[in-house]
Structures are given as structure tokens and as C-alpha cells.
Protein backbone atom coordinates (compact mmCIF):
# COMPACT_ATOMS: atom_id res chain seq x y z
CA MET A 1 -35.79 36.86 -16.23
CA VAL A 2 -32.40 38.45 -16.61
CA PRO A 3 -29.53 36.00 -17.36
CA LEU A 4 -27.01 35.66 -14.57
CA SER A 5 -23.70 37.31 -15.38
CA LEU A 6 -20.51 37.06 -13.41
CA ASP A 7 -18.20 40.03 -13.17
CA THR A 8 -14.44 39.54 -13.16
CA PRO A 9 -13.92 39.65 -9.34
CA GLU A 10 -16.77 37.18 -8.79
CA LEU A 11 -15.41 34.84 -11.44
CA GLU A 12 -11.91 35.00 -9.95
CA LEU A 13 -13.31 34.24 -6.50
CA LEU A 14 -15.28 31.27 -7.83
CA ILE A 15 -12.23 29.90 -9.65
CA GLY A 16 -10.13 30.34 -6.50
CA ILE A 17 -12.67 28.50 -4.34
CA ILE A 18 -12.89 25.65 -6.84
CA GLY A 19 -9.09 25.44 -6.99
CA VAL A 20 -8.82 25.22 -3.21
CA LEU A 21 -11.53 22.54 -3.11
CA ILE A 22 -9.71 20.49 -5.77
CA PHE A 23 -6.42 20.83 -3.86
CA VAL A 24 -7.95 19.80 -0.52
CA THR A 25 -9.81 16.80 -1.97
CA SER A 26 -6.67 15.65 -3.80
CA PHE A 27 -4.67 15.87 -0.58
CA VAL A 28 -7.31 13.94 1.39
CA ALA A 29 -7.51 11.25 -1.32
CA LEU A 30 -3.72 10.91 -1.37
CA LEU A 31 -3.62 10.68 2.43
CA PHE A 32 -6.27 7.96 2.56
CA SER A 33 -4.64 5.97 -0.22
CA ALA A 34 -1.27 6.16 1.55
CA ILE A 35 -2.85 4.93 4.79
CA PHE A 36 -4.53 2.08 2.91
CA VAL A 37 -1.32 1.05 1.14
CA LEU A 38 0.68 1.11 4.37
CA GLY A 39 -1.97 -0.99 6.11
CA LEU A 40 -1.97 -3.47 3.24
CA ALA A 41 1.83 -3.70 3.29
CA GLN A 42 1.82 -4.30 7.05
CA PHE A 43 -0.89 -6.95 6.69
CA LEU A 44 1.11 -8.75 3.99
CA TYR A 45 4.31 -8.55 6.06
CA VAL A 46 2.62 -10.02 9.14
CA GLY A 47 0.92 -12.73 7.06
CA VAL A 48 4.09 -13.80 5.28
CA ARG A 49 6.06 -13.77 8.52
CA TRP A 50 3.42 -15.96 10.19
CA CYS A 51 3.51 -18.42 7.27
CA VAL A 52 7.31 -18.61 7.31
CA THR A 53 7.28 -19.20 11.07
CA LYS A 54 4.73 -21.99 10.70
CA ILE A 55 6.71 -23.65 7.91
CA HIS A 56 9.94 -23.36 9.90
CA GLN A 57 8.29 -24.84 13.01
CA SER A 58 6.80 -27.72 11.05
CA TYR A 59 10.22 -28.70 9.69
CA SER A 60 12.20 -28.19 12.90
CA LEU A 61 9.75 -29.55 15.51
CA GLY A 62 7.90 -32.18 13.53
CA GLY A 63 10.37 -34.97 14.24
CA THR A 64 11.94 -34.76 10.81
CA ARG A 65 15.57 -33.94 10.38
CA THR A 66 16.61 -30.75 8.73
CA MET A 67 19.46 -31.28 6.34
CA ILE A 68 22.08 -28.59 5.97
CA ALA A 69 24.20 -29.15 2.90
CA ILE A 70 27.21 -27.06 2.06
CA GLY A 71 29.19 -27.65 -1.09
CA ARG A 72 28.65 -28.53 -4.70
CA ILE A 73 26.15 -31.08 -5.84
CA VAL A 74 27.83 -33.51 -8.26
CA PRO A 75 25.45 -35.49 -10.48
CA HIS A 76 26.09 -39.25 -10.70
CA HIS A 77 26.31 -40.76 -14.20
């Protein structure tokens, strides 16, 4: 059997194809990771907003008074 040898044009073509494949896979991986991160951020935003709404409703509608204090708190000795 004769060993396989690559001439210069064939080697350049192979390197070019591999470079394009690396570029395309990197772009697809970056795109999917960006979509995942944006989905996670939206999920966290909706979850935190829901929790804050529930906490606010429990304090304002639960029959307890909400206290609004403005001014300095002076400790008693």
C-alpha cells in the first residue's frame, strides 16, 4: 500500500473546510448559549416579580397595617 500524501492545494482546501466548520460551530454554540441565558434571565425576572407581588399582596390585603415611617429613628436610652 502506498502512503496517502496530500499536495499543497488539497491541504489548503482541507484546512479551509476545517476552519469554516470551526467558525460555524462556534457561532451556533454562541447563539444557543445566548438564547439560553436570555431565557434564564426572563425566567428569573418573572419569578422574582411574582414573589414580590405575592409578598406585597400579603402585607397590604392581609388585614395588617402597613407602616410608612419617614424621618430619623432615635434610639431610647
